[in-house]
Protein backbone atom coordinates (compact mmCIF):
# COMPACT_ATOMS: atom_id res chain seq x y z
CA MET A 1 157.63 79.61 25.89
CA MET A 2 156.50 82.96 24.70
CA ASP A 3 153.14 83.06 22.96
CA LEU A 4 153.27 84.81 19.58
CA ALA A 5 150.41 87.17 18.97
CA PRO A 6 148.73 86.68 15.63
CA ALA A 7 149.89 89.25 13.05
CA GLU A 8 147.32 91.82 12.14
CA THR A 9 146.48 91.91 8.48
CA PRO A 10 144.54 94.72 6.86
CA ALA A 11 141.01 93.90 5.95
CA VAL A 12 140.28 93.58 2.24
CA GLU A 13 136.85 94.57 1.11
CA ILE A 14 135.50 92.72 -1.88
CA SER A 15 132.81 94.40 -3.82
CA GLY A 16 129.66 92.46 -4.30
CA THR A 17 129.71 93.28 -8.01
CA CYS A 18 132.78 92.39 -10.00
CA GLU A 19 133.26 94.10 -13.35
CA PRO A 20 134.65 91.79 -16.02
CA PHE A 21 138.13 92.52 -17.36
CA VAL A 22 138.04 93.24 -21.07
CA VAL A 23 141.16 93.05 -23.22
CA PRO A 24 141.34 96.33 -25.15
CA ARG A 25 141.09 96.03 -28.91
CA PHE A 26 143.30 98.19 -31.03
CA LYS A 27 141.88 99.57 -34.25
CA THR A 28 143.63 98.26 -37.29
CA SER A 29 143.49 100.58 -40.26
CA GLN A 30 142.16 98.73 -43.26
CA PRO A 31 143.66 99.80 -46.60
CA ALA A 32 141.25 101.72 -48.78
CA ALA A 33 139.63 99.71 -51.51
CA GLU A 34 141.23 100.33 -54.88
CA PRO A 35 138.89 101.77 -57.52
CA THR A 36 138.06 99.62 -60.49
CA GLY A 37 139.50 100.41 -63.88
CA ILE A 38 139.30 99.29 -67.48
CA GLU A 39 142.08 97.22 -69.02
CA ARG A 40 143.40 98.17 -72.43
CA THR A 41 146.39 97.31 -74.59
CA LEU A 42 148.91 99.50 -76.38
CA ASP A 43 150.89 98.40 -79.43
CA ARG A 44 154.61 99.00 -79.72
CA GLY A 45 155.25 102.60 -80.83
CA ALA A 46 151.74 103.78 -79.92
CA TYR A 47 151.25 106.80 -77.66
CA LEU A 48 149.25 106.56 -74.47
CA PHE A 49 149.07 110.36 -74.46
CA ARG A 50 150.96 113.26 -76.02
CA GLU A 51 152.34 116.44 -74.55
CA GLY A 52 149.71 119.19 -74.50
CA GLU A 53 146.71 116.86 -74.65
CA THR A 54 143.94 117.25 -72.08
CA LYS A 55 144.10 114.71 -69.27
CA THR A 56 141.14 112.37 -69.53
CA ALA A 57 142.20 109.48 -67.27
CA ALA A 58 144.85 108.12 -64.93
CA TYR A 59 146.72 104.97 -65.88
CA ARG A 60 148.66 102.13 -64.32
CA LEU A 61 151.14 100.16 -66.38
CA GLU A 62 150.47 96.45 -65.82
CA ALA A 63 152.87 94.93 -68.36
CA GLY A 64 155.44 96.28 -70.80
CA ILE A 65 157.63 99.40 -70.85
CA LEU A 66 156.67 103.03 -71.51
CA CYS A 67 159.05 105.81 -72.50
CA VAL A 68 158.14 109.30 -71.24
CA THR A 69 159.56 112.17 -73.30
CA SER A 70 159.42 115.96 -73.28
CA ARG A 71 159.90 118.24 -76.26
CA ARG A 72 162.88 120.57 -76.43
CA PRO A 73 163.18 123.88 -78.33
CA VAL A 74 165.68 122.30 -80.72
CA GLY A 75 166.52 118.68 -81.46
CA PRO A 76 164.87 115.38 -80.59
CA PRO A 77 162.64 114.99 -77.52
CA GLU A 78 164.31 114.49 -74.15
CA VAL A 79 163.77 111.13 -72.45
CA VAL A 80 162.36 111.92 -69.00
CA GLU A 81 161.97 108.39 -67.63
CA MET A 82 161.39 104.76 -68.53
CA LEU A 83 158.37 103.25 -66.78
CA PHE A 84 157.88 99.64 -65.76
CA PRO A 85 154.86 97.64 -64.48
CA GLY A 86 153.18 99.06 -61.39
CA THR A 87 153.81 102.74 -62.25
CA LEU A 88 150.96 105.26 -62.31
CA LEU A 89 150.64 107.92 -65.01
CA GLY A 90 148.32 110.85 -65.60
CA LEU A 91 148.62 112.25 -62.07
CA GLY A 92 149.61 115.81 -61.09
CA PHE A 93 147.51 118.97 -60.89
CA LEU A 94 147.52 120.45 -64.41
CA ASP A 95 144.69 119.89 -66.88
CA ARG A 96 147.06 118.96 -69.70
CA HIS A 97 149.96 116.51 -70.02
CA ILE A 98 153.42 118.06 -69.91
CA ASP A 99 155.05 114.92 -71.37
CA SER A 100 154.34 112.20 -73.92
CA ALA A 101 154.20 108.48 -73.10
CA MET A 102 154.98 105.93 -75.84
CA ALA A 103 155.01 102.12 -75.68
CA VAL A 104 158.51 100.71 -76.17
CA VAL A 105 157.03 97.19 -76.35
CA PRO A 106 153.40 96.01 -76.37
CA CYS A 107 151.83 97.15 -73.10
CA ARG A 108 148.84 96.32 -70.95
CA ILE A 109 147.35 99.23 -69.01
CA THR A 110 144.55 99.79 -66.52
CA GLU A 111 142.68 103.04 -67.12
CA PHE A 112 140.99 104.85 -64.23
CA PRO A 113 138.73 107.92 -64.27
CA LEU A 114 140.40 111.09 -63.01
CA SER A 115 137.93 111.12 -60.13
CA ALA A 116 139.64 107.96 -58.84
CA VAL A 117 143.08 109.57 -58.33
CA ALA A 118 142.38 110.42 -54.68
CA ALA A 119 141.28 106.84 -53.97
CA LEU A 120 144.35 105.44 -55.72
CA CYS A 121 146.59 107.60 -53.53
CA ASP A 122 144.69 106.58 -50.38
CA ALA A 123 145.17 102.91 -51.24
CA SER A 124 148.93 103.03 -51.82
CA GLU A 125 151.89 104.90 -50.35
CA SER A 126 153.79 104.51 -53.62
CA ALA A 127 150.87 106.16 -55.42
CA ARG A 128 151.04 109.10 -53.02
CA ASP A 129 154.78 109.42 -53.64
CA ARG A 130 154.18 109.28 -57.38
CA GLN A 131 151.51 111.98 -57.15
CA ALA A 132 153.86 114.23 -55.18
CA SER A 133 156.68 113.67 -57.68
CA LEU A 134 154.53 114.45 -60.73
CA THR A 135 152.99 117.49 -59.04
CA GLU A 136 156.49 118.84 -58.37
CA ARG A 137 157.46 118.23 -62.00
CA GLU A 138 154.37 120.08 -63.22
CA PHE A 139 155.11 123.02 -60.91
CA ALA A 140 158.58 123.20 -62.46
CA ALA A 141 157.05 123.16 -65.94
CA ARG A 142 154.64 125.95 -65.00
CA ARG A 143 157.55 128.04 -63.67
CA ARG A 144 159.36 127.60 -66.98
CA GLU A 145 156.25 128.88 -68.77
CA VAL A 146 156.07 131.96 -66.58
CA ALA A 147 159.82 132.66 -66.82
CA PRO A 148 160.96 130.90 -70.00
CA ASP A 149 164.53 129.85 -70.53
CA PRO A 150 166.46 132.13 -72.94
CA ALA A 151 166.50 129.26 -75.43
CA GLU A 152 162.68 129.48 -75.61
CA ARG A 153 162.61 133.19 -76.51
CA PRO A 154 163.23 132.78 -80.26
CA LEU A 155 160.50 130.15 -80.38
CA ARG A 156 158.02 132.48 -78.69
CA ARG A 157 158.91 135.37 -80.97
CA VAL A 158 158.34 133.26 -84.07
CA ALA A 159 155.08 131.89 -82.60
CA ALA A 160 153.89 135.45 -81.91
CA PHE A 161 154.80 136.51 -85.48
CA LEU A 162 152.93 133.56 -87.01
CA SER A 163 149.94 134.22 -84.80
CA ALA A 164 149.92 137.86 -85.94
CA MET A 165 150.13 136.71 -89.59
CA TYR A 166 147.18 134.39 -89.02
CA HIS A 167 144.98 137.20 -87.67
CA MET A 168 146.12 139.63 -90.39
CA ASN A 169 145.33 137.13 -93.17
CA ARG A 170 141.90 136.47 -91.71
CA HIS A 171 141.20 140.20 -91.39
CA GLU A 172 142.18 140.79 -95.02
CA GLY A 173 140.09 137.89 -96.34
CA ARG A 174 142.96 135.56 -97.25
CA ASN A 175 143.44 131.99 -96.13
CA PRO A 176 144.50 132.65 -92.52
CA ALA A 177 146.36 129.36 -92.15
CA PHE A 178 148.75 129.93 -95.08
CA VAL A 179 152.00 131.84 -94.64
CA ALA A 180 154.07 132.55 -97.73
CA GLU A 181 157.60 131.32 -98.35
CA PHE A 182 159.13 134.75 -97.60
CA LEU A 183 159.32 133.69 -93.94
CA LYS A 184 162.75 132.22 -94.69
CA SER A 185 164.15 135.60 -95.65
CA GLY A 186 166.67 137.49 -93.59
CA ASP A 187 164.25 140.41 -93.38
CA VAL A 188 161.91 138.42 -91.15
CA ALA A 189 164.80 137.31 -88.94
CA ALA A 190 165.97 140.91 -88.63
CA PHE A 191 162.42 142.05 -87.84
CA LEU A 192 162.27 139.50 -85.00
CA ASP A 193 165.81 140.40 -83.85
CA LEU A 194 166.97 136.85 -84.53
CA GLU A 195 169.76 135.24 -86.45
CA VAL A 196 168.67 133.35 -89.57
CA GLU A 197 169.84 130.12 -87.91
CA GLU A 198 167.67 130.85 -84.84
CA LEU A 199 164.65 131.46 -87.07
CA ALA A 200 165.25 128.21 -88.95
CA ALA A 201 165.67 126.25 -85.69
CA ALA A 202 162.46 127.75 -84.27
CA LEU A 203 160.50 126.81 -87.40
CA THR A 204 161.87 123.27 -87.24
CA ASP A 205 160.82 123.01 -83.60
CA LEU A 206 157.32 124.30 -84.39
CA ARG A 207 156.99 121.67 -87.14
CA GLN A 208 158.11 118.92 -84.75
CA ARG A 209 155.57 120.08 -82.19
CA GLY A 210 152.77 119.96 -84.75
CA PHE A 211 152.05 123.71 -84.78
CA VAL A 212 152.96 124.24 -88.44
CA GLY A 213 153.41 122.12 -91.56
CA ARG A 214 154.74 122.43 -95.07
CA ALA A 215 152.26 123.70 -97.68
CA GLU A 216 152.13 121.92 -101.03
CA SER A 217 152.72 125.18 -102.91
CA GLY A 218 155.54 126.25 -100.60
CA GLY A 219 155.40 128.26 -97.43
CA LEU A 220 153.82 127.12 -94.17
CA VAL A 221 150.42 125.93 -93.03
CA LEU A 222 149.46 126.91 -89.50
CA LEU A 223 148.01 123.68 -88.09
CA ASP A 224 147.31 124.93 -84.57
CA PRO A 225 146.78 128.73 -84.49
CA GLU A 226 145.41 128.61 -80.95
CA GLY A 227 148.45 126.66 -79.80
CA LEU A 228 150.75 129.23 -81.40
CA GLU A 229 148.92 132.00 -79.59
CA ARG A 230 149.26 130.19 -76.26
CA LEU A 231 152.96 129.56 -76.89
CA ALA A 232 153.53 133.22 -77.68
CA THR A 233 152.03 134.48 -74.40
């Protein structure tokens, strides 16, 4: 019987020191802590903020419904969106609000300082999306200011005329905020290269926006001369 030679096996060297096997740990990103805010309530019909006001805070709707509107050159305000609990407001990049927000029903709101907007966006993807959406809307509003729609031109002409009347009255020592009733005349419309109907519609819009009001003795009272000057530029 044939003898079988033992099979040769390669030598295995074992190190005298054995390093322990460590299961790698993967970093889990912890969501950023949400900044603290102040809770407040809003009665039905009350405004959280109005178009043109300086932004002083960011807000989150906790309960209730808010209606966001934007003024139009003629006619009632345009409804931009209806907001429900969980929605953030007061974001964007401009210093002033481009819309108004009114409570449709009693609302509960959390108010945050403007310095907390970055932290709010870091803590929530929906907040980042909301910030991007409002920033885009404000860019569109700024473009409309730079290149106004033809429907805005009569409004700006009338605003420029009233602003000029304000400065002329002040220079001549009269009450600068009072403009006589003659503004309704066709001569003023012709001077501004407008139809009488366009002039009347522009004055109505300026009253709705709070720039002018009706004087007790007739004529107009300029309630916001600086606003008229900004609108005219």
